[in-house]
Amino acid sequence: MAFVTPEKQNDRSVTPVPNRFIDEFLPRANPSYVSVYLLGYRLFVHGDTEVTNRRLADTLHLLASDVRRAWEYWAQEGLVRLHPADGEEADIEFLPLIPAESALVQTPRATVAKERPDYSVEELTAHADEDEEVRRLFAVAEKLYGKALHYSELNLLLGLRDWLRLPTPVIEVLLEYCLSNGHKNGRYIEKVALDWADNGINTVEAAEETIRLFNGDYREIMRAFGQSRRDPTPKEIEYMKKWRKDFSMPLELVTEACDRTILQTGQAKFSYADKILTEWYGKNVRTKEAVAALEDAFRKEKAEAAETKAAQAKTDKPAARTKNRFNNYTGRKWDYEMLEKLERERLEKSLEG
């Protein structure tokens, strides 16, 4: 890999990063992608030509595949251009960042707008005539819809490519996924495309993995919660992604947590299930057998604690007083004033006598 036409800077202690990158691109990008761009840009600015994805990966403690994905992402964002090369390396050309005041950013193939473009019929026709990818996208879409496409449908498809920078093969997969699930509404398709773009789903492999999760794992989890007739909300998707991808929790344990949640709360409460799965994850529980062992250990610990508490209570109880004929006797309560009165009366009678 090499950097094309480096703009060498004499002062190697400073790397000027455009404010637009910091303000606009940095906040929405994956942190590892930002790291790759910044390190690559530093080497580019100072004319370093001995660069490989492996070197960048080692420096940033990433996988080489992560570095390649980062360059692909920045190419889709319009910040770099990849030039084919032998093997897995590609030459990287850093593109100038046009000031953000410009409403449109011109790229070699399309116009990328801040909002989805609204093309005229003439523009749609021109794109289809001049771009083989666009012609293929429209042809595939017609087959999937099973009819000739309306102007609004063509506008949407081309807009997803130019607006969200989704590659046309990914748009084809997305469209097939939506239509096969009975969702032909343009707003629904756009919503899914926005979600994919926000989550960096920009390859066919990533798209197919996402669909597998939705059609397989996510549907199964929703079914365990008794919610199979609706799509999950973004927050619910976030929970499920955490359980299946971040925790790598087996599906059978996720559905087990869902079942327990319903039994305990009577609701499809994702936050409750998350507490259960977070505890299992923290204790490295990955099978139902391990769950049973964990519960046995908990019950044993609870029983031992109860026995210890009972024994302690028995030790701390005051000794019972032994009863005998002495301590059974309850002493009388004397009225000393009355005794004195009686004594005086006795003395007075004695004196009178």
Foldseek 3Di string as FASTA:
>chain_A
DFEPPAQADDPLVDQDDDVCCVPPVVVLDDPVLVQLVVVVSSCRHNVNTPDDLVVSCVVSVHDSVVSLLSLVLVVLVVQWPWADDPDSDTHIYGDDDDDPVDQWDDDPQAIAGQDQDQDDPVVLVVSCVPPVLLVVLLVLLCVLVVHHDDSVVSSLLVSLCRHLVARSVLLSLLSNLCVVVPHPDSVVSVVVSVVCSSVSVRDPVSSVVVSCCQVPLVLVLCVLQVNNVDGDDPVLVVLSCCLCPVLVADSVVLSVLQNVCCVVPVHSDSVSSSVVSVVCSVVVNRDVVSVVVVVVVVVVVVVVVVVVVVVVVVVPDDDDDDDDPVVVDDDDDDDVVVVVVVVVVVVVVVVVD
